[in-house]
Amino acid sequence: MVMPVPERLSRFCRAYTSAIFTYERMRIFMRAGLAGNAFNRRYLDHVAKSMLAPMAEEITAAEGRHHATTEHMWNLHGGTVFRGTPGVI
C-alpha cells in the first residue's frame, strides 16, 4: 500500500529536522554564512534540487488540481528551519 503524500511529507519533515537541528551542524551553517563561505549556497542548491523539487512534483501529482512549486517548498523549509533554529543556537 502506498502511503498518502501528507503522511510521507510529515514523516520526512520530522526525520529531516532531527538530522539538521544539531548544535554542530547549525553552528557550521551559521558560521559559514556569516563568513560568506560558499558552503551554504552549495547546500541550499542541493536541498532545492534533491529535496524540494521532487517534493513539489509529488504534491502536484497527488493533488492534481494544485500546482506546488519549489517556492512553496522553500516556504515550508523556511518555516521549519525558523521554528527549530532558536532551540539549537
N, C-alpha and C. Protein backbone atom coordinates (compact mmCIF):
# COMPACT_ATOMS: atom_id res chain seq x y z
N MET A 1 0.84 -1.19 0.00
CA MET A 1 0.00 0.00 0.00
C MET A 1 0.88 1.25 0.00
N VAL A 2 0.53 2.21 -0.82
CA VAL A 2 1.28 3.46 -0.92
C VAL A 2 0.81 4.42 0.18
N MET A 3 1.77 5.00 0.87
CA MET A 3 1.45 5.95 1.93
C MET A 3 1.01 7.27 1.31
N PRO A 4 -0.04 7.90 1.83
CA PRO A 4 -0.50 9.18 1.30
C PRO A 4 0.59 10.26 1.42
N VAL A 5 0.58 11.17 0.47
CA VAL A 5 1.61 12.22 0.42
C VAL A 5 1.67 13.03 1.71
N PRO A 6 0.55 13.48 2.30
CA PRO A 6 0.68 14.25 3.54
C PRO A 6 1.41 13.49 4.65
N GLU A 7 1.15 12.20 4.76
CA GLU A 7 1.83 11.41 5.79
C GLU A 7 3.31 11.25 5.47
N ARG A 8 3.63 10.99 4.20
CA ARG A 8 5.04 10.87 3.80
C ARG A 8 5.77 12.18 4.04
N LEU A 9 5.12 13.29 3.71
CA LEU A 9 5.73 14.61 3.90
C LEU A 9 5.98 14.88 5.38
N SER A 10 5.02 14.55 6.21
CA SER A 10 5.16 14.74 7.65
C SER A 10 6.30 13.90 8.22
N ARG A 11 6.37 12.65 7.82
CA ARG A 11 7.45 11.78 8.28
C ARG A 11 8.81 12.29 7.82
N PHE A 12 8.86 12.71 6.56
CA PHE A 12 10.13 13.22 6.03
C PHE A 12 10.57 14.47 6.79
N CYS A 13 9.64 15.37 7.03
CA CYS A 13 9.99 16.62 7.73
C CYS A 13 10.51 16.34 9.13
N ARG A 14 9.89 15.40 9.82
CA ARG A 14 10.38 15.04 11.17
C ARG A 14 11.78 14.45 11.09
N ALA A 15 12.03 13.58 10.14
CA ALA A 15 13.35 12.97 10.00
C ALA A 15 14.40 14.02 9.59
N TYR A 16 14.02 14.89 8.68
CA TYR A 16 14.94 15.93 8.21
C TYR A 16 15.31 16.88 9.34
N THR A 17 14.32 17.32 10.10
CA THR A 17 14.63 18.27 11.18
C THR A 17 15.47 17.61 12.27
N SER A 18 15.23 16.36 12.55
CA SER A 18 16.08 15.71 13.56
C SER A 18 17.50 15.56 13.06
N ALA A 19 17.69 15.49 11.75
CA ALA A 19 19.04 15.38 11.19
C ALA A 19 19.75 16.73 11.16
N ILE A 20 19.04 17.80 10.86
CA ILE A 20 19.73 19.10 10.70
C ILE A 20 19.81 19.91 11.98
N PHE A 21 18.94 19.69 12.93
CA PHE A 21 18.94 20.51 14.13
C PHE A 21 19.85 19.93 15.21
N THR A 22 21.12 19.90 14.88
CA THR A 22 22.12 19.56 15.88
C THR A 22 22.96 20.81 16.10
N TYR A 23 23.50 20.94 17.28
CA TYR A 23 24.30 22.11 17.62
C TYR A 23 25.46 22.28 16.63
N GLU A 24 26.16 21.19 16.35
CA GLU A 24 27.34 21.26 15.47
C GLU A 24 26.95 21.68 14.05
N ARG A 25 25.91 21.06 13.53
CA ARG A 25 25.50 21.36 12.16
C ARG A 25 25.02 22.81 12.02
N MET A 26 24.22 23.25 12.96
CA MET A 26 23.73 24.63 12.89
C MET A 26 24.87 25.63 13.08
N ARG A 27 25.80 25.32 13.96
CA ARG A 27 26.94 26.22 14.17
C ARG A 27 27.78 26.35 12.90
N ILE A 28 28.05 25.24 12.24
CA ILE A 28 28.81 25.27 10.98
C ILE A 28 28.06 26.08 9.94
N PHE A 29 26.76 25.83 9.81
CA PHE A 29 25.97 26.53 8.80
C PHE A 29 25.94 28.03 9.06
N MET A 30 25.69 28.43 10.30
CA MET A 30 25.63 29.85 10.64
C MET A 30 26.99 30.53 10.47
N ARG A 31 28.03 29.87 10.93
CA ARG A 31 29.37 30.46 10.81
C ARG A 31 29.79 30.60 9.35
N ALA A 32 29.49 29.60 8.54
CA ALA A 32 29.82 29.66 7.11
C ALA A 32 29.06 30.80 6.44
N GLY A 33 27.79 30.98 6.83
CA GLY A 33 27.00 32.07 6.26
C GLY A 33 27.54 33.43 6.64
N LEU A 34 27.90 33.59 7.90
CA LEU A 34 28.44 34.88 8.35
C LEU A 34 29.80 35.18 7.71
N ALA A 35 30.55 34.14 7.40
CA ALA A 35 31.87 34.32 6.79
C ALA A 35 31.78 34.50 5.28
N GLY A 36 30.59 34.34 4.72
CA GLY A 36 30.44 34.47 3.27
C GLY A 36 30.93 33.24 2.51
N ASN A 37 31.05 32.13 3.21
CA ASN A 37 31.52 30.89 2.62
C ASN A 37 30.49 30.35 1.63
N ALA A 38 30.96 29.66 0.59
CA ALA A 38 30.07 29.11 -0.43
C ALA A 38 29.37 27.84 0.03
N PHE A 39 29.72 27.32 1.20
CA PHE A 39 29.12 26.10 1.72
C PHE A 39 27.60 26.20 1.76
N ASN A 40 27.10 27.31 2.29
CA ASN A 40 25.64 27.47 2.43
C ASN A 40 24.95 27.45 1.08
N ARG A 41 25.49 28.16 0.10
CA ARG A 41 24.87 28.21 -1.23
C ARG A 41 24.86 26.82 -1.85
N ARG A 42 25.96 26.09 -1.73
CA ARG A 42 26.01 24.73 -2.28
C ARG A 42 25.00 23.82 -1.59
N TYR A 43 24.92 23.93 -0.28
CA TYR A 43 23.97 23.10 0.47
C TYR A 43 22.53 23.43 0.06
N LEU A 44 22.20 24.70 -0.01
CA LEU A 44 20.83 25.08 -0.37
C LEU A 44 20.49 24.73 -1.81
N ASP A 45 21.47 24.80 -2.70
CA ASP A 45 21.25 24.34 -4.08
C ASP A 45 20.95 22.84 -4.09
N HIS A 46 21.70 22.10 -3.28
CA HIS A 46 21.47 20.65 -3.17
C HIS A 46 20.08 20.36 -2.61
N VAL A 47 19.68 21.10 -1.58
CA VAL A 47 18.35 20.93 -0.99
C VAL A 47 17.27 21.18 -2.04
N ALA A 48 17.44 22.25 -2.81
CA ALA A 48 16.44 22.59 -3.83
C ALA A 48 16.30 21.49 -4.88
N LYS A 49 17.43 20.99 -5.36
CA LYS A 49 17.40 20.00 -6.44
C LYS A 49 17.01 18.61 -5.96
N SER A 50 17.56 18.18 -4.84
CA SER A 50 17.36 16.79 -4.43
C SER A 50 16.19 16.58 -3.48
N MET A 51 15.67 17.66 -2.91
CA MET A 51 14.62 17.51 -1.92
C MET A 51 13.36 18.29 -2.28
N LEU A 52 13.50 19.59 -2.47
CA LEU A 52 12.32 20.44 -2.64
C LEU A 52 11.63 20.25 -3.99
N ALA A 53 12.39 20.17 -5.07
CA ALA A 53 11.78 19.97 -6.38
C ALA A 53 11.02 18.64 -6.45
N PRO A 54 11.61 17.52 -6.00
CA PRO A 54 10.84 16.27 -6.00
C PRO A 54 9.60 16.32 -5.10
N MET A 55 9.70 17.03 -3.97
CA MET A 55 8.53 17.17 -3.10
C MET A 55 7.41 17.91 -3.82
N ALA A 56 7.75 18.99 -4.52
CA ALA A 56 6.75 19.76 -5.26
C ALA A 56 6.10 18.88 -6.33
N GLU A 57 6.90 18.08 -7.01
CA GLU A 57 6.37 17.19 -8.04
C GLU A 57 5.41 16.16 -7.44
N GLU A 58 5.79 15.58 -6.32
CA GLU A 58 4.94 14.58 -5.66
C GLU A 58 3.61 15.19 -5.22
N ILE A 59 3.67 16.36 -4.63
CA ILE A 59 2.44 17.01 -4.16
C ILE A 59 1.54 17.36 -5.33
N THR A 60 2.13 17.89 -6.40
CA THR A 60 1.36 18.24 -7.59
C THR A 60 0.71 16.99 -8.18
N ALA A 61 1.47 15.91 -8.27
CA ALA A 61 0.93 14.67 -8.85
C ALA A 61 -0.19 14.11 -7.98
N ALA A 62 -0.04 14.21 -6.69
CA ALA A 62 -1.05 13.66 -5.78
C ALA A 62 -2.32 14.52 -5.76
N GLU A 63 -2.15 15.81 -5.79
CA GLU A 63 -3.29 16.72 -5.69
C GLU A 63 -4.01 16.88 -7.03
N GLY A 64 -3.23 16.89 -8.11
CA GLY A 64 -3.83 17.03 -9.44
C GLY A 64 -4.28 18.43 -9.77
N ARG A 65 -5.07 19.03 -8.93
CA ARG A 65 -5.63 20.35 -9.25
C ARG A 65 -4.76 21.50 -8.74
N HIS A 66 -3.86 21.24 -7.81
CA HIS A 66 -2.98 22.28 -7.29
C HIS A 66 -1.56 22.06 -7.81
N HIS A 67 -0.94 23.14 -8.21
CA HIS A 67 0.43 23.05 -8.70
C HIS A 67 1.37 23.55 -7.61
N ALA A 68 2.06 22.64 -6.95
CA ALA A 68 3.04 23.02 -5.93
C ALA A 68 4.33 23.40 -6.64
N THR A 69 4.90 24.52 -6.22
CA THR A 69 6.14 24.98 -6.83
C THR A 69 7.29 24.81 -5.83
N THR A 70 8.50 24.95 -6.35
CA THR A 70 9.67 24.92 -5.47
C THR A 70 9.60 26.07 -4.48
N GLU A 71 9.01 27.18 -4.89
CA GLU A 71 8.85 28.32 -3.97
C GLU A 71 7.95 27.94 -2.79
N HIS A 72 6.89 27.21 -3.05
CA HIS A 72 6.05 26.72 -1.95
C HIS A 72 6.86 25.85 -0.99
N MET A 73 7.72 25.01 -1.57
CA MET A 73 8.54 24.12 -0.74
C MET A 73 9.57 24.91 0.07
N TRP A 74 10.10 26.00 -0.52
CA TRP A 74 11.03 26.86 0.24
C TRP A 74 10.30 27.49 1.41
N ASN A 75 9.05 27.85 1.23
CA ASN A 75 8.27 28.39 2.35
C ASN A 75 8.12 27.36 3.46
N LEU A 76 7.85 26.13 3.10
CA LEU A 76 7.75 25.05 4.08
C LEU A 76 9.11 24.85 4.78
N HIS A 77 10.16 24.80 4.00
CA HIS A 77 11.51 24.61 4.54
C HIS A 77 11.88 25.77 5.47
N GLY A 78 11.64 26.99 5.01
CA GLY A 78 11.97 28.17 5.82
C GLY A 78 11.22 28.20 7.13
N GLY A 79 9.94 27.87 7.08
CA GLY A 79 9.14 27.85 8.30
C GLY A 79 9.63 26.80 9.28
N THR A 80 10.01 25.65 8.75
CA THR A 80 10.52 24.57 9.60
C THR A 80 11.83 24.99 10.25
N VAL A 81 12.73 25.56 9.46
CA VAL A 81 14.02 25.98 9.98
C VAL A 81 13.85 27.13 10.98
N PHE A 82 12.97 28.07 10.66
CA PHE A 82 12.73 29.21 11.56
C PHE A 82 12.24 28.75 12.91
N ARG A 83 11.35 27.76 12.93
CA ARG A 83 10.80 27.26 14.19
C ARG A 83 11.82 26.47 14.99
N GLY A 84 12.74 25.79 14.33
CA GLY A 84 13.68 24.94 15.04
C GLY A 84 15.00 25.57 15.44
N THR A 85 15.38 26.64 14.73
CA THR A 85 16.69 27.25 14.97
C THR A 85 16.87 27.79 16.39
N PRO A 86 15.91 28.50 16.97
CA PRO A 86 16.15 29.04 18.31
C PRO A 86 16.46 27.99 19.37
N GLY A 87 15.98 26.80 19.21
CA GLY A 87 16.27 25.74 20.17
C GLY A 87 17.67 25.18 20.07
N VAL A 88 18.35 25.49 18.97
CA VAL A 88 19.68 24.93 18.75
C VAL A 88 20.77 25.98 18.92
N ILE A 89 20.48 27.20 18.52
CA ILE A 89 21.51 28.26 18.57
C ILE A 89 21.46 28.99 19.89
